[in-house]
């Protein structure tokens, strides 16, 4: 379910969440790996998680 929901994110959001949350990279490491600035990574993680939360609620019918 989460894997399918991840495809609903923008590529930048998906990459930021994968690197920072799933691979547990620091923001500096994730920035170097992705080419996104640290500020953009923070924004993409925040917006991506917010979108996943909304999708989860919709999926569960609440």
N, C-alpha and C. Protein backbone atom coordinates (compact mmCIF):
# COMPACT_ATOMS: atom_id res chain seq x y z
N UNK A 1 0.82 -1.18 0.00
CA UNK A 1 0.00 0.00 0.00
C UNK A 1 0.87 1.26 0.00
N UNK A 2 1.85 1.33 0.86
CA UNK A 2 2.70 2.52 0.93
C UNK A 2 3.51 2.68 -0.35
N UNK A 3 3.99 1.56 -0.90
CA UNK A 3 4.74 1.63 -2.14
C UNK A 3 3.92 2.24 -3.27
N UNK A 4 2.67 1.85 -3.34
CA UNK A 4 1.78 2.40 -4.37
C UNK A 4 1.53 3.88 -4.10
N UNK A 5 1.36 4.23 -2.85
CA UNK A 5 1.12 5.64 -2.50
C UNK A 5 2.35 6.50 -2.81
N UNK A 6 3.52 5.93 -2.68
CA UNK A 6 4.74 6.68 -2.99
C UNK A 6 4.77 7.12 -4.45
N UNK A 7 4.14 6.35 -5.32
CA UNK A 7 4.10 6.73 -6.74
C UNK A 7 3.24 7.95 -6.98
N UNK A 8 2.40 8.32 -6.00
CA UNK A 8 1.55 9.50 -6.11
C UNK A 8 2.31 10.79 -5.80
N UNK A 9 3.51 10.67 -5.24
CA UNK A 9 4.31 11.84 -4.88
C UNK A 9 5.07 12.36 -6.09
N UNK A 10 5.52 13.60 -5.99
CA UNK A 10 6.40 14.12 -7.04
C UNK A 10 7.74 13.37 -6.94
N UNK A 11 8.49 13.35 -8.02
CA UNK A 11 9.80 12.67 -7.95
C UNK A 11 10.70 13.23 -6.85
N UNK A 12 10.69 14.54 -6.65
CA UNK A 12 11.52 15.15 -5.60
C UNK A 12 11.09 14.74 -4.21
N UNK A 13 9.78 14.69 -3.98
CA UNK A 13 9.27 14.26 -2.69
C UNK A 13 9.61 12.81 -2.43
N UNK A 14 9.41 11.98 -3.44
CA UNK A 14 9.69 10.55 -3.30
C UNK A 14 11.17 10.32 -2.98
N UNK A 15 12.05 10.99 -3.73
CA UNK A 15 13.48 10.84 -3.50
C UNK A 15 13.88 11.33 -2.11
N UNK A 16 13.34 12.46 -1.69
CA UNK A 16 13.68 13.02 -0.38
C UNK A 16 13.26 12.08 0.74
N UNK A 17 12.06 11.52 0.65
CA UNK A 17 11.59 10.59 1.69
C UNK A 17 12.42 9.32 1.68
N UNK A 18 12.71 8.80 0.49
CA UNK A 18 13.52 7.58 0.42
C UNK A 18 14.89 7.78 1.06
N UNK A 19 15.54 8.89 0.76
CA UNK A 19 16.89 9.11 1.27
C UNK A 19 16.90 9.46 2.76
N UNK A 20 16.05 10.39 3.16
CA UNK A 20 16.09 10.91 4.53
C UNK A 20 15.40 9.99 5.52
N UNK A 21 14.24 9.47 5.15
CA UNK A 21 13.46 8.66 6.10
C UNK A 21 13.73 7.17 5.97
N UNK A 22 13.75 6.65 4.76
CA UNK A 22 13.92 5.20 4.59
C UNK A 22 15.38 4.75 4.69
N UNK A 23 16.28 5.51 4.05
CA UNK A 23 17.70 5.16 4.11
C UNK A 23 18.42 5.83 5.26
N UNK A 24 17.71 6.68 5.98
CA UNK A 24 18.21 7.37 7.17
C UNK A 24 19.50 8.16 6.92
N UNK A 25 19.58 8.79 5.75
CA UNK A 25 20.73 9.64 5.45
C UNK A 25 20.55 10.97 6.17
N UNK A 26 21.65 11.61 6.48
CA UNK A 26 21.56 12.97 7.02
C UNK A 26 21.14 13.90 5.88
N UNK A 27 20.71 15.09 6.22
CA UNK A 27 20.33 16.04 5.18
C UNK A 27 21.51 16.39 4.28
N UNK A 28 22.69 16.48 4.85
CA UNK A 28 23.89 16.77 4.06
C UNK A 28 24.16 15.64 3.07
N UNK A 29 24.08 14.39 3.55
CA UNK A 29 24.31 13.24 2.66
C UNK A 29 23.24 13.17 1.57
N UNK A 30 21.99 13.36 1.96
CA UNK A 30 20.89 13.29 0.99
C UNK A 30 21.00 14.41 -0.03
N UNK A 31 21.43 15.57 0.41
CA UNK A 31 21.62 16.69 -0.51
C UNK A 31 22.69 16.38 -1.54
N UNK A 32 23.79 15.81 -1.08
CA UNK A 32 24.87 15.45 -1.99
C UNK A 32 24.43 14.36 -2.97
N UNK A 33 23.66 13.40 -2.50
CA UNK A 33 23.22 12.29 -3.34
C UNK A 33 22.16 12.71 -4.36
N UNK A 34 21.30 13.65 -3.98
CA UNK A 34 20.16 13.99 -4.83
C UNK A 34 20.34 15.27 -5.64
N UNK A 35 21.23 16.14 -5.18
CA UNK A 35 21.37 17.43 -5.84
C UNK A 35 20.36 18.45 -5.35
N UNK A 36 19.48 18.05 -4.43
CA UNK A 36 18.52 18.98 -3.84
C UNK A 36 19.20 19.73 -2.69
N UNK A 37 18.87 20.99 -2.54
CA UNK A 37 19.42 21.73 -1.40
C UNK A 37 18.81 21.17 -0.11
N UNK A 38 19.45 21.47 1.00
CA UNK A 38 18.93 21.01 2.29
C UNK A 38 17.54 21.60 2.53
N UNK A 39 17.35 22.86 2.21
CA UNK A 39 16.03 23.48 2.38
C UNK A 39 14.98 22.78 1.53
N UNK A 40 15.31 22.45 0.29
CA UNK A 40 14.36 21.77 -0.59
C UNK A 40 14.07 20.36 -0.09
N UNK A 41 15.07 19.67 0.43
CA UNK A 41 14.84 18.34 1.01
C UNK A 41 13.84 18.42 2.16
N UNK A 42 14.02 19.41 3.03
CA UNK A 42 13.10 19.57 4.17
C UNK A 42 11.68 19.81 3.68
N UNK A 43 11.54 20.67 2.69
CA UNK A 43 10.21 20.97 2.14
C UNK A 43 9.61 19.72 1.50
N UNK A 44 10.41 19.00 0.70
CA UNK A 44 9.90 17.82 0.02
C UNK A 44 9.53 16.70 0.98
N UNK A 45 10.29 16.51 2.04
CA UNK A 45 9.94 15.50 3.05
C UNK A 45 8.64 15.91 3.73
N UNK A 46 8.53 17.15 4.14
CA UNK A 46 7.33 17.63 4.83
C UNK A 46 6.09 17.48 3.94
N UNK A 47 6.18 17.97 2.71
CA UNK A 47 5.02 17.91 1.81
C UNK A 47 4.70 16.47 1.40
N UNK A 48 5.74 15.66 1.21
CA UNK A 48 5.51 14.27 0.85
C UNK A 48 4.82 13.48 1.94
N UNK A 49 5.24 13.68 3.18
CA UNK A 49 4.61 12.98 4.30
C UNK A 49 3.17 13.47 4.48
N UNK A 50 2.96 14.76 4.31
CA UNK A 50 1.61 15.31 4.40
C UNK A 50 0.71 14.67 3.33
N UNK A 51 1.23 14.54 2.12
CA UNK A 51 0.46 13.92 1.03
C UNK A 51 0.20 12.44 1.33
N UNK A 52 1.20 11.71 1.81
CA UNK A 52 1.01 10.30 2.16
C UNK A 52 -0.04 10.13 3.25
N UNK A 53 -0.03 11.03 4.23
CA UNK A 53 -1.01 10.97 5.31
C UNK A 53 -2.42 11.14 4.74
N UNK A 54 -2.59 12.11 3.83
CA UNK A 54 -3.88 12.34 3.20
C UNK A 54 -4.33 11.13 2.38
N UNK A 55 -3.40 10.55 1.63
CA UNK A 55 -3.72 9.37 0.83
C UNK A 55 -4.12 8.18 1.72
N UNK A 56 -3.43 8.02 2.82
CA UNK A 56 -3.73 6.93 3.74
C UNK A 56 -5.13 7.07 4.31
N UNK A 57 -5.49 8.29 4.69
CA UNK A 57 -6.82 8.54 5.24
C UNK A 57 -7.89 8.26 4.17
N UNK A 58 -7.65 8.71 2.94
CA UNK A 58 -8.59 8.46 1.85
C UNK A 58 -8.72 6.96 1.59
N UNK A 59 -7.60 6.26 1.61
CA UNK A 59 -7.59 4.82 1.34
C UNK A 59 -8.33 4.04 2.42
N UNK A 60 -8.18 4.49 3.65
CA UNK A 60 -8.83 3.76 4.75
C UNK A 60 -10.28 4.15 4.93
N UNK A 61 -10.73 5.14 4.15
CA UNK A 61 -12.14 5.50 4.15
C UNK A 61 -12.60 6.34 5.33
N UNK A 62 -11.70 7.03 5.97
CA UNK A 62 -12.08 7.86 7.12
C UNK A 62 -12.41 9.26 6.69
